PDB file of all heavy atoms in Angstrom:
ATOM      1  N   SER A   1     -81.715  83.623 118.177  1.00  0.00           N
ATOM      2  CA  SER A   1     -82.058  84.168 116.782  1.00  0.00           C
ATOM      3  C   SER A   1     -83.128  83.252 116.182  1.00  0.00           C
ATOM      4  O   SER A   1     -83.698  83.595 115.179  1.00  0.00           O
ATOM      5  CB  SER A   1     -80.758  84.037 116.101  1.00  0.00           C
ATOM      6  OG  SER A   1     -80.334  82.780 115.856  1.00  0.00           O
ATOM      7  N   THR A   2     -83.323  82.077 116.819  1.00  0.00           N
ATOM      8  CA  THR A   2     -84.382  81.214 116.177  1.00  0.00           C
ATOM      9  C   THR A   2     -85.178  80.419 117.318  1.00  0.00           C
ATOM     10  O   THR A   2     -84.614  80.307 118.476  1.00  0.00           O
ATOM     11  CB  THR A   2     -83.813  80.061 115.378  1.00  0.00           C
ATOM     12  OG1 THR A   2     -82.995  79.049 116.222  1.00  0.00           O
ATOM     13  CG2 THR A   2     -82.814  80.646 114.246  1.00  0.00           C
ATOM     14  N   SER A   3     -86.446  80.135 117.050  1.00  0.00           N
ATOM     15  CA  SER A   3     -87.246  79.477 117.993  1.00  0.00           C
ATOM     16  C   SER A   3     -86.766  78.159 118.214  1.00  0.00           C
ATOM     17  O   SER A   3     -86.900  77.523 119.269  1.00  0.00           O
ATOM     18  CB  SER A   3     -88.641  79.471 117.529  1.00  0.00           C
ATOM     19  OG  SER A   3     -88.813  78.902 116.244  1.00  0.00           O
ATOM     20  N   ALA A   4     -86.214  77.425 117.151  1.00  0.00           N
ATOM     21  CA  ALA A   4     -85.690  76.069 117.341  1.00  0.00           C
ATOM     22  C   ALA A   4     -84.630  75.879 118.313  1.00  0.00           C
ATOM     23  O   ALA A   4     -84.685  74.956 119.145  1.00  0.00           O
ATOM     24  CB  ALA A   4     -85.225  75.566 115.975  1.00  0.00           C
ATOM     25  N   LEU A   5     -83.775  76.991 118.311  1.00  0.00           N
ATOM     26  CA  LEU A   5     -82.675  76.915 119.208  1.00  0.00           C
ATOM     27  C   LEU A   5     -83.204  77.168 120.768  1.00  0.00           C
ATOM     28  O   LEU A   5     -82.817  76.409 121.812  1.00  0.00           O
ATOM     29  CB  LEU A   5     -81.656  78.052 119.093  1.00  0.00           C
ATOM     30  CG  LEU A   5     -80.484  78.060 120.017  1.00  0.00           C
ATOM     31  CD1 LEU A   5     -79.702  76.864 120.077  1.00  0.00           C
ATOM     32  CD2 LEU A   5     -79.588  79.260 119.665  1.00  0.00           C
ATOM     33  N   SER A   6     -84.168  78.092 120.915  1.00  0.00           N
ATOM     34  CA  SER A   6     -84.761  78.264 122.270  1.00  0.00           C
ATOM     35  C   SER A   6     -85.471  76.924 122.862  1.00  0.00           C
ATOM     36  O   SER A   6     -85.215  76.483 123.987  1.00  0.00           O
ATOM     37  CB  SER A   6     -85.876  79.368 122.232  1.00  0.00           C
ATOM     38  OG  SER A   6     -85.113  80.560 122.433  1.00  0.00           O
ATOM     39  N   LYS A   7     -86.142  76.230 121.844  1.00  0.00           N
ATOM     40  CA  LYS A   7     -86.797  74.924 122.284  1.00  0.00           C
ATOM     41  C   LYS A   7     -85.808  74.018 122.621  1.00  0.00           C
ATOM     42  O   LYS A   7     -85.992  73.217 123.521  1.00  0.00           O
ATOM     43  CB  LYS A   7     -87.816  74.426 121.217  1.00  0.00           C
ATOM     44  CG  LYS A   7     -88.937  75.487 121.021  1.00  0.00           C
ATOM     45  CD  LYS A   7     -89.739  74.989 119.815  1.00  0.00           C
ATOM     46  CE  LYS A   7     -90.953  75.915 119.670  1.00  0.00           C
ATOM     47  NZ  LYS A   7     -91.887  75.636 118.426  1.00  0.00           N
ATOM     48  N   ALA A   8     -84.686  73.815 121.847  1.00  0.00           N
ATOM     49  CA  ALA A   8     -83.678  72.833 122.252  1.00  0.00           C
ATOM     50  C   ALA A   8     -82.962  73.155 123.397  1.00  0.00           C
ATOM     51  O   ALA A   8     -82.712  72.193 124.220  1.00  0.00           O
ATOM     52  CB  ALA A   8     -82.532  72.876 121.055  1.00  0.00           C
ATOM     53  N   LEU A   9     -82.737  74.437 123.694  1.00  0.00           N
ATOM     54  CA  LEU A   9     -82.148  74.717 125.069  1.00  0.00           C
ATOM     55  C   LEU A   9     -83.019  74.562 126.170  1.00  0.00           C
ATOM     56  O   LEU A   9     -82.656  74.088 127.312  1.00  0.00           O
ATOM     57  CB  LEU A   9     -81.695  76.315 125.042  1.00  0.00           C
ATOM     58  CG  LEU A   9     -80.660  76.684 124.167  1.00  0.00           C
ATOM     59  CD1 LEU A   9     -80.411  78.158 124.086  1.00  0.00           C
ATOM     60  CD2 LEU A   9     -79.303  75.846 124.359  1.00  0.00           C
ATOM     61  N   VAL A  10     -84.290  74.775 126.009  1.00  0.00           N
ATOM     62  CA  VAL A  10     -85.246  74.737 127.124  1.00  0.00           C
ATOM     63  C   VAL A  10     -85.370  73.032 127.436  1.00  0.00           C
ATOM     64  O   VAL A  10     -85.367  72.703 128.574  1.00  0.00           O
ATOM     65  CB  VAL A  10     -86.711  75.059 126.686  1.00  0.00           C
ATOM     66  CG1 VAL A  10     -87.695  74.471 127.571  1.00  0.00           C
ATOM     67  CG2 VAL A  10     -86.730  76.596 126.791  1.00  0.00           C
ATOM     68  N   LYS A  11     -85.362  72.201 126.359  1.00  0.00           N
ATOM     69  CA  LYS A  11     -85.381  70.760 126.582  1.00  0.00           C
ATOM     70  C   LYS A  11     -84.088  70.154 127.270  1.00  0.00           C
ATOM     71  O   LYS A  11     -84.160  69.250 127.992  1.00  0.00           O
ATOM     72  CB  LYS A  11     -85.637  70.130 125.237  1.00  0.00           C
ATOM     73  CG  LYS A  11     -87.062  70.166 124.624  1.00  0.00           C
ATOM     74  CD  LYS A  11     -87.238  69.543 123.367  1.00  0.00           C
ATOM     75  CE  LYS A  11     -88.571  69.815 122.743  1.00  0.00           C
ATOM     76  NZ  LYS A  11     -88.632  69.111 121.438  1.00  0.00           N
ATOM     77  N   SER A  12     -82.936  70.791 127.041  1.00  0.00           N
ATOM     78  CA  SER A  12     -81.755  70.322 127.404  1.00  0.00           C
ATOM     79  C   SER A  12     -81.167  70.935 128.678  1.00  0.00           C
ATOM     80  O   SER A  12     -80.141  70.713 129.202  1.00  0.00           O
ATOM     81  CB  SER A  12     -80.696  70.442 126.388  1.00  0.00           C
ATOM     82  OG  SER A  12     -80.454  71.654 126.021  1.00  0.00           O
ATOM     83  N   LYS A  13     -81.978  71.833 129.282  1.00  0.00           N
ATOM     84  CA  LYS A  13     -81.541  72.637 130.446  1.00  0.00           C
ATOM     85  C   LYS A  13     -81.274  71.581 131.545  1.00  0.00           C
ATOM     86  O   LYS A  13     -81.984  70.720 131.863  1.00  0.00           O
ATOM     87  CB  LYS A  13     -82.608  73.588 130.913  1.00  0.00           C
ATOM     88  CG  LYS A  13     -82.065  74.495 132.003  1.00  0.00           C
ATOM     89  CD  LYS A  13     -83.205  75.228 132.754  1.00  0.00           C
ATOM     90  CE  LYS A  13     -83.975  74.225 133.599  1.00  0.00           C
ATOM     91  NZ  LYS A  13     -84.552  74.883 134.721  1.00  0.00           N
ATOM     92  N   GLU A  14     -80.022  71.844 132.250  1.00  0.00           N
ATOM     93  CA  GLU A  14     -79.701  70.902 133.308  1.00  0.00           C
ATOM     94  C   GLU A  14     -79.460  71.775 134.532  1.00  0.00           C
ATOM     95  O   GLU A  14     -79.228  73.002 134.564  1.00  0.00           O
ATOM     96  CB  GLU A  14     -78.265  70.124 132.931  1.00  0.00           C
ATOM     97  CG  GLU A  14     -78.527  69.316 131.871  1.00  0.00           C
ATOM     98  CD  GLU A  14     -77.274  68.608 131.623  1.00  0.00           C
ATOM     99  OE1 GLU A  14     -76.273  68.706 132.249  1.00  0.00           O
ATOM    100  OE2 GLU A  14     -77.220  67.908 130.598  1.00  0.00           O
ATOM    101  N   SER A  15     -79.559  71.167 135.714  1.00  0.00           N
ATOM    102  CA  SER A  15     -79.247  71.809 136.912  1.00  0.00           C
ATOM    103  C   SER A  15     -77.821  72.262 137.019  1.00  0.00           C
ATOM    104  O   SER A  15     -76.978  71.382 136.806  1.00  0.00           O
ATOM    105  CB  SER A  15     -79.655  70.995 138.091  1.00  0.00           C
ATOM    106  OG  SER A  15     -79.128  71.441 139.303  1.00  0.00           O
ATOM    107  N   LEU A  16     -77.582  73.386 137.622  1.00  0.00           N
ATOM    108  CA  LEU A  16     -76.148  73.853 137.706  1.00  0.00           C
ATOM    109  C   LEU A  16     -75.354  73.028 138.588  1.00  0.00           C
ATOM    110  O   LEU A  16     -74.119  72.878 138.491  1.00  0.00           O
ATOM    111  CB  LEU A  16     -76.158  75.355 138.216  1.00  0.00           C
ATOM    112  CG  LEU A  16     -76.664  76.395 137.294  1.00  0.00           C
ATOM    113  CD1 LEU A  16     -76.583  77.767 138.043  1.00  0.00           C
ATOM    114  CD2 LEU A  16     -76.052  76.456 136.109  1.00  0.00           C
ATOM    115  N   SER A  17     -76.043  72.398 139.666  1.00  0.00           N
ATOM    116  CA  SER A  17     -75.380  71.521 140.652  1.00  0.00           C
ATOM    117  C   SER A  17     -74.881  70.183 139.977  1.00  0.00           C
ATOM    118  O   SER A  17     -74.051  69.572 140.631  1.00  0.00           O
ATOM    119  CB  SER A  17     -76.260  71.267 141.793  1.00  0.00           C
ATOM    120  OG  SER A  17     -77.378  70.498 141.327  1.00  0.00           O
ATOM    121  N   SER A  18     -75.314  69.891 138.768  1.00  0.00           N
ATOM    122  CA  SER A  18     -74.783  68.709 138.203  1.00  0.00           C
ATOM    123  C   SER A  18     -73.496  68.766 137.511  1.00  0.00           C
ATOM    124  O   SER A  18     -72.979  67.698 137.026  1.00  0.00           O
ATOM    125  CB  SER A  18     -75.992  68.134 137.252  1.00  0.00           C
ATOM    126  OG  SER A  18     -75.963  69.157 136.148  1.00  0.00           O
ATOM    127  N   HIS A  19     -72.785  69.959 137.494  1.00  0.00           N
ATOM    128  CA  HIS A  19     -71.650  70.121 136.797  1.00  0.00           C
ATOM    129  C   HIS A  19     -70.616  70.384 137.854  1.00  0.00           C
ATOM    130  O   HIS A  19     -70.628  71.090 138.812  1.00  0.00           O
ATOM    131  CB  HIS A  19     -71.802  71.310 135.831  1.00  0.00           C
ATOM    132  CG  HIS A  19     -72.706  71.122 134.812  1.00  0.00           C
ATOM    133  ND1 HIS A  19     -72.340  70.503 133.615  1.00  0.00           N
ATOM    134  CD2 HIS A  19     -73.986  71.614 134.522  1.00  0.00           C
ATOM    135  CE1 HIS A  19     -73.322  70.493 132.725  1.00  0.00           C
ATOM    136  NE2 HIS A  19     -74.436  71.006 133.268  1.00  0.00           N
ATOM    137  N   ALA A  20     -69.415  69.823 137.526  1.00  0.00           N
ATOM    138  CA  ALA A  20     -68.203  69.914 138.447  1.00  0.00           C
ATOM    139  C   ALA A  20     -67.910  71.445 138.418  1.00  0.00           C
ATOM    140  O   ALA A  20     -67.833  72.043 137.270  1.00  0.00           O
ATOM    141  CB  ALA A  20     -67.116  69.061 138.037  1.00  0.00           C
ATOM    142  N   GLU A  21     -67.594  72.023 139.533  1.00  0.00           N
ATOM    143  CA  GLU A  21     -67.296  73.479 139.466  1.00  0.00           C
ATOM    144  C   GLU A  21     -65.666  73.569 139.258  1.00  0.00           C
ATOM    145  O   GLU A  21     -64.805  73.135 139.992  1.00  0.00           O
ATOM    146  CB  GLU A  21     -67.544  74.020 140.864  1.00  0.00           C
ATOM    147  CG  GLU A  21     -67.574  75.623 140.911  1.00  0.00           C
ATOM    148  CD  GLU A  21     -68.596  76.109 139.941  1.00  0.00           C
ATOM    149  OE1 GLU A  21     -69.724  76.149 140.506  1.00  0.00           O
ATOM    150  OE2 GLU A  21     -68.346  76.524 138.865  1.00  0.00           O
ATOM    151  N   ARG A  22     -65.265  74.279 138.153  1.00  0.00           N
ATOM    152  CA  ARG A  22     -63.867  74.489 137.789  1.00  0.00           C
ATOM    153  C   ARG A  22     -63.389  75.804 138.123  1.00  0.00           C
ATOM    154  O   ARG A  22     -62.115  76.038 137.984  1.00  0.00           O
ATOM    155  CB  ARG A  22     -63.752  74.290 136.229  1.00  0.00           C
ATOM    156  CG  ARG A  22     -63.926  72.731 135.804  1.00  0.00           C
ATOM    157  CD  ARG A  22     -63.512  72.687 134.284  1.00  0.00           C
ATOM    158  NE  ARG A  22     -64.548  73.146 133.471  1.00  0.00           N
ATOM    159  CZ  ARG A  22     -65.326  72.303 132.845  1.00  0.00           C
ATOM    160  NH1 ARG A  22     -65.394  71.014 133.147  1.00  0.00           N
ATOM    161  NH2 ARG A  22     -66.263  72.850 131.976  1.00  0.00           N
ATOM    162  N   LYS A  23     -64.202  76.788 138.557  1.00  0.00           N
ATOM    163  CA  LYS A  23     -63.730  78.073 138.999  1.00  0.00           C
ATOM    164  C   LYS A  23     -63.073  78.814 137.870  1.00  0.00           C
ATOM    165  O   LYS A  23     -62.168  79.683 138.037  1.00  0.00           O
ATOM    166  CB  LYS A  23     -62.805  77.995 140.147  1.00  0.00           C
ATOM    167  CG  LYS A  23     -63.504  77.466 141.505  1.00  0.00           C
ATOM    168  CD  LYS A  23     -64.386  78.423 142.065  1.00  0.00           C
ATOM    169  CE  LYS A  23     -64.941  77.933 143.376  1.00  0.00           C
ATOM    170  NZ  LYS A  23     -65.710  78.924 144.012  1.00  0.00           N
ATOM    171  N   ASN A  24     -63.462  78.596 136.519  1.00  0.00           N
ATOM    172  CA  ASN A  24     -62.888  79.376 135.484  1.00  0.00           C
ATOM    173  C   ASN A  24     -63.717  80.701 135.328  1.00  0.00           C
ATOM    174  O   ASN A  24     -64.944  80.614 135.432  1.00  0.00           O
ATOM    175  CB  ASN A  24     -63.017  78.575 134.148  1.00  0.00           C
ATOM    176  CG  ASN A  24     -62.011  77.412 134.151  1.00  0.00           C
ATOM    177  OD1 ASN A  24     -60.925  77.510 134.792  1.00  0.00           O
ATOM    178  ND2 ASN A  24     -62.366  76.303 133.603  1.00  0.00           N
ATOM    179  N   ASN A  25     -63.010  81.704 135.006  1.00  0.00           N
ATOM    180  CA  ASN A  25     -63.672  82.941 134.728  1.00  0.00           C
ATOM    181  C   ASN A  25     -64.450  82.917 133.424  1.00  0.00           C
ATOM    182  O   ASN A  25     -65.569  83.526 133.200  1.00  0.00           O
ATOM    183  CB  ASN A  25     -62.650  84.060 134.787  1.00  0.00           C
ATOM    184  CG  ASN A  25     -63.283  85.610 134.236  1.00  0.00           C
ATOM    185  OD1 ASN A  25     -63.259  85.864 133.131  1.00  0.00           O
ATOM    186  ND2 ASN A  25     -63.721  86.321 135.280  1.00  0.00           N
ATOM    187  N   THR A  26     -63.777  82.283 132.473  1.00  0.00           N
ATOM    188  CA  THR A  26     -64.327  82.133 130.995  1.00  0.00           C
ATOM    189  C   THR A  26     -64.072  80.798 130.474  1.00  0.00           C
ATOM    190  O   THR A  26     -62.979  80.401 130.766  1.00  0.00           O
ATOM    191  CB  THR A  26     -63.725  83.318 130.131  1.00  0.00           C
ATOM    192  OG1 THR A  26     -63.997  84.568 130.743  1.00  0.00           O
ATOM    193  CG2 THR A  26     -64.406  83.440 128.785  1.00  0.00           C
ATOM    194  N   GLU A  27     -65.026  80.194 129.813  1.00  0.00           N
ATOM    195  CA  GLU A  27     -64.702  79.071 129.079  1.00  0.00           C
ATOM    196  C   GLU A  27     -65.326  79.051 127.603  1.00  0.00           C
ATOM    197  O   GLU A  27     -66.379  79.664 127.452  1.00  0.00           O
ATOM    198  CB  GLU A  27     -65.394  77.768 129.736  1.00  0.00           C
ATOM    199  CG  GLU A  27     -64.629  77.417 131.018  1.00  0.00           C
ATOM    200  CD  GLU A  27     -65.342  76.088 131.587  1.00  0.00           C
ATOM    201  OE1 GLU A  27     -66.063  75.422 130.844  1.00  0.00           O
ATOM    202  OE2 GLU A  27     -65.152  75.817 132.786  1.00  0.00           O
ATOM    203  N   VAL A  28     -64.576  78.587 126.647  1.00  0.00           N
ATOM    204  CA  VAL A  28     -65.019  78.689 125.244  1.00  0.00           C
ATOM    205  C   VAL A  28     -64.835  77.273 124.736  1.00  0.00           C
ATOM    206  O   VAL A  28     -63.805  76.721 124.835  1.00  0.00           O
ATOM    207  CB  VAL A  28     -64.252  79.599 124.363  1.00  0.00           C
ATOM    208  CG1 VAL A  28     -64.822  79.470 122.924  1.00  0.00           C
ATOM    209  CG2 VAL A  28     -64.382  81.026 124.960  1.00  0.00           C
ATOM    210  N   GLN A  29     -65.922  76.649 124.132  1.00  0.00           N
ATOM    211  CA  GLN A  29     -65.850  75.432 123.454  1.00  0.00           C
ATOM    212  C   GLN A  29     -66.281  75.559 122.035  1.00  0.00           C
ATOM    213  O   GLN A  29     -67.508  76.153 121.814  1.00  0.00           O
ATOM    214  CB  GLN A  29     -66.719  74.509 124.211  1.00  0.00           C
ATOM    215  CG  GLN A  29     -66.277  74.058 125.631  1.00  0.00           C
ATOM    216  CD  GLN A  29     -67.161  73.124 126.475  1.00  0.00           C
ATOM    217  OE1 GLN A  29     -68.159  72.701 125.903  1.00  0.00           O
ATOM    218  NE2 GLN A  29     -66.641  72.872 127.593  1.00  0.00           N
ATOM    219  N   LEU A  30     -65.523  75.172 121.078  1.00  0.00           N
ATOM    220  CA  LEU A  30     -65.753  75.268 119.741  1.00  0.00           C
ATOM    221  C   LEU A  30     -65.663  73.947 119.025  1.00  0.00           C
ATOM    222  O   LEU A  30     -64.543  73.416 119.055  1.00  0.00           O
ATOM    223  CB  LEU A  30     -64.758  76.311 119.092  1.00  0.00           C
ATOM    224  CG  LEU A  30     -64.991  76.773 117.593  1.00  0.00           C
ATOM    225  CD1 LEU A  30     -66.337  77.588 117.388  1.00  0.00           C
ATOM    226  CD2 LEU A  30     -63.792  77.617 117.273  1.00  0.00           C
ATOM    227  N   ASN A  31     -66.737  73.588 118.330  1.00  0.00           N
ATOM    228  CA  ASN A  31     -66.750  72.404 117.467  1.00  0.00           C
ATOM    229  C   ASN A  31     -66.360  72.800 116.064  1.00  0.00           C
ATOM    230  O   ASN A  31     -67.270  73.280 115.248  1.00  0.00           O
ATOM    231  CB  ASN A  31     -68.221  71.792 117.638  1.00  0.00           C
ATOM    232  CG  ASN A  31     -68.332  70.530 116.817  1.00  0.00           C
ATOM    233  OD1 ASN A  31     -67.512  70.234 115.958  1.00  0.00           O
ATOM    234  ND2 ASN A  31     -69.344  69.723 117.153  1.00  0.00           N
ATOM    235  N   LEU A  32     -65.154  72.510 115.722  1.00  0.00           N
ATOM    236  CA  LEU A  32     -64.709  72.963 114.478  1.00  0.00           C
ATOM    237  C   LEU A  32     -65.308  72.111 113.299  1.00  0.00           C
ATOM    238  O   LEU A  32     -65.284  72.421 112.084  1.00  0.00           O
ATOM    239  CB  LEU A  32     -63.108  72.923 114.298  1.00  0.00           C
ATOM    240  CG  LEU A  32     -62.664  74.079 115.223  1.00  0.00           C
ATOM    241  CD1 LEU A  32     -61.077  73.915 115.412  1.00  0.00           C
ATOM    242  CD2 LEU A  32     -62.942  75.387 114.665  1.00  0.00           C
ATOM    243  N   ARG A  33     -65.642  70.822 113.607  1.00  0.00           N
ATOM    244  CA  ARG A  33     -66.376  70.052 112.568  1.00  0.00           C
ATOM    245  C   ARG A  33     -67.707  70.739 112.124  1.00  0.00           C
ATOM    246  O   ARG A  33     -67.996  70.747 110.869  1.00  0.00           O
ATOM    247  CB  ARG A  33     -66.697  68.638 113.135  1.00  0.00           C
ATOM    248  CG  ARG A  33     -65.546  67.705 113.468  1.00  0.00           C
ATOM    249  CD  ARG A  33     -65.993  66.396 113.749  1.00  0.00           C
ATOM    250  NE  ARG A  33     -64.831  65.414 114.211  1.00  0.00           N
ATOM    251  CZ  ARG A  33     -64.679  65.011 115.488  1.00  0.00           C
ATOM    252  NH1 ARG A  33     -65.568  65.416 116.393  1.00  0.00           N
ATOM    253  NH2 ARG A  33     -63.761  64.219 115.746  1.00  0.00           N
ATOM    254  N   ALA A  34     -68.436  71.242 113.207  1.00  0.00           N
ATOM    255  CA  ALA A  34     -69.582  71.975 112.798  1.00  0.00           C
ATOM    256  C   ALA A  34     -69.339  73.329 112.141  1.00  0.00           C
ATOM    257  O   ALA A  34     -70.150  73.704 111.139  1.00  0.00           O
ATOM    258  CB  ALA A  34     -70.417  72.212 114.039  1.00  0.00           C
ATOM    259  N   VAL A  35     -68.337  74.051 112.423  1.00  0.00           N
ATOM    260  CA  VAL A  35     -67.949  75.181 111.813  1.00  0.00           C
ATOM    261  C   VAL A  35     -67.706  74.854 110.309  1.00  0.00           C
ATOM    262  O   VAL A  35     -68.210  75.648 109.428  1.00  0.00           O
ATOM    263  CB  VAL A  35     -66.736  75.894 112.546  1.00  0.00           C
ATOM    264  CG1 VAL A  35     -66.129  76.940 111.595  1.00  0.00           C
ATOM    265  CG2 VAL A  35     -67.042  76.261 113.819  1.00  0.00           C
ATOM    266  N   LYS A  36     -66.859  73.857 109.994  1.00  0.00           N
ATOM    267  CA  LYS A  36     -66.597  73.392 108.608  1.00  0.00           C
ATOM    268  C   LYS A  36     -67.897  73.157 107.784  1.00  0.00           C
ATOM    269  O   LYS A  36     -67.949  73.634 106.555  1.00  0.00           O
ATOM    270  CB  LYS A  36     -65.638  72.293 108.577  1.00  0.00           C
ATOM    271  CG  LYS A  36     -65.227  71.877 107.261  1.00  0.00           C
ATOM    272  CD  LYS A  36     -64.342  70.680 107.106  1.00  0.00           C
ATOM    273  CE  LYS A  36     -64.040  70.203 105.735  1.00  0.00           C
ATOM    274  NZ  LYS A  36     -63.348  68.959 105.692  1.00  0.00           N
ATOM    275  N   ARG A  37     -68.698  72.403 108.524  1.00  0.00           N
ATOM    276  CA  ARG A  37     -69.971  72.177 107.757  1.00  0.00           C
ATOM    277  C   ARG A  37     -70.729  73.384 107.357  1.00  0.00           C
ATOM    278  O   ARG A  37     -71.206  73.435 106.314  1.00  0.00           O
ATOM    279  CB  ARG A  37     -70.900  71.175 108.603  1.00  0.00           C
ATOM    280  CG  ARG A  37     -70.312  69.750 108.716  1.00  0.00           C
ATOM    281  CD  ARG A  37     -71.430  68.735 109.348  1.00  0.00           C
ATOM    282  NE  ARG A  37     -71.691  69.152 110.663  1.00  0.00           N
ATOM    283  CZ  ARG A  37     -71.252  68.547 111.736  1.00  0.00           C
ATOM    284  NH1 ARG A  37     -70.321  67.707 111.564  1.00  0.00           N
ATOM    285  NH2 ARG A  37     -71.579  68.895 112.913  1.00  0.00           N
ATOM    286  N   SER A  38     -70.810  74.297 108.346  1.00  0.00           N
ATOM    287  CA  SER A  38     -71.534  75.567 108.088  1.00  0.00           C
ATOM    288  C   SER A  38     -70.854  76.300 106.932  1.00  0.00           C
ATOM    289  O   SER A  38     -71.616  76.822 106.064  1.00  0.00           O
ATOM    290  CB  SER A  38     -71.434  76.443 109.283  1.00  0.00           C
ATOM    291  OG  SER A  38     -72.191  77.585 109.204  1.00  0.00           O
ATOM    292  N   LEU A  39     -69.587  76.373 106.886  1.00  0.00           N
ATOM    293  CA  LEU A  39     -68.774  77.086 105.860  1.00  0.00           C
ATOM    294  C   LEU A  39     -69.064  76.439 104.454  1.00  0.00           C
ATOM    295  O   LEU A  39     -69.169  76.927 103.435  1.00  0.00           O
ATOM    296  CB  LEU A  39     -67.355  77.149 106.169  1.00  0.00           C
ATOM    297  CG  LEU A  39     -66.919  78.149 107.381  1.00  0.00           C
ATOM    298  CD1 LEU A  39     -65.401  77.982 107.719  1.00  0.00           C
ATOM    299  CD2 LEU A  39     -67.416  79.507 107.055  1.00  0.00           C
TER     300      LEU A  39
END
């Protein structure tokens, strides 16, 4: 939705092999501190 987010993701992209494989079908991570700040 924003160019700033795309640039941040491009800069922070990591190799998939650098992450431990957990074999999860779906994962969700929610930072509720950030959600509160936004609200």
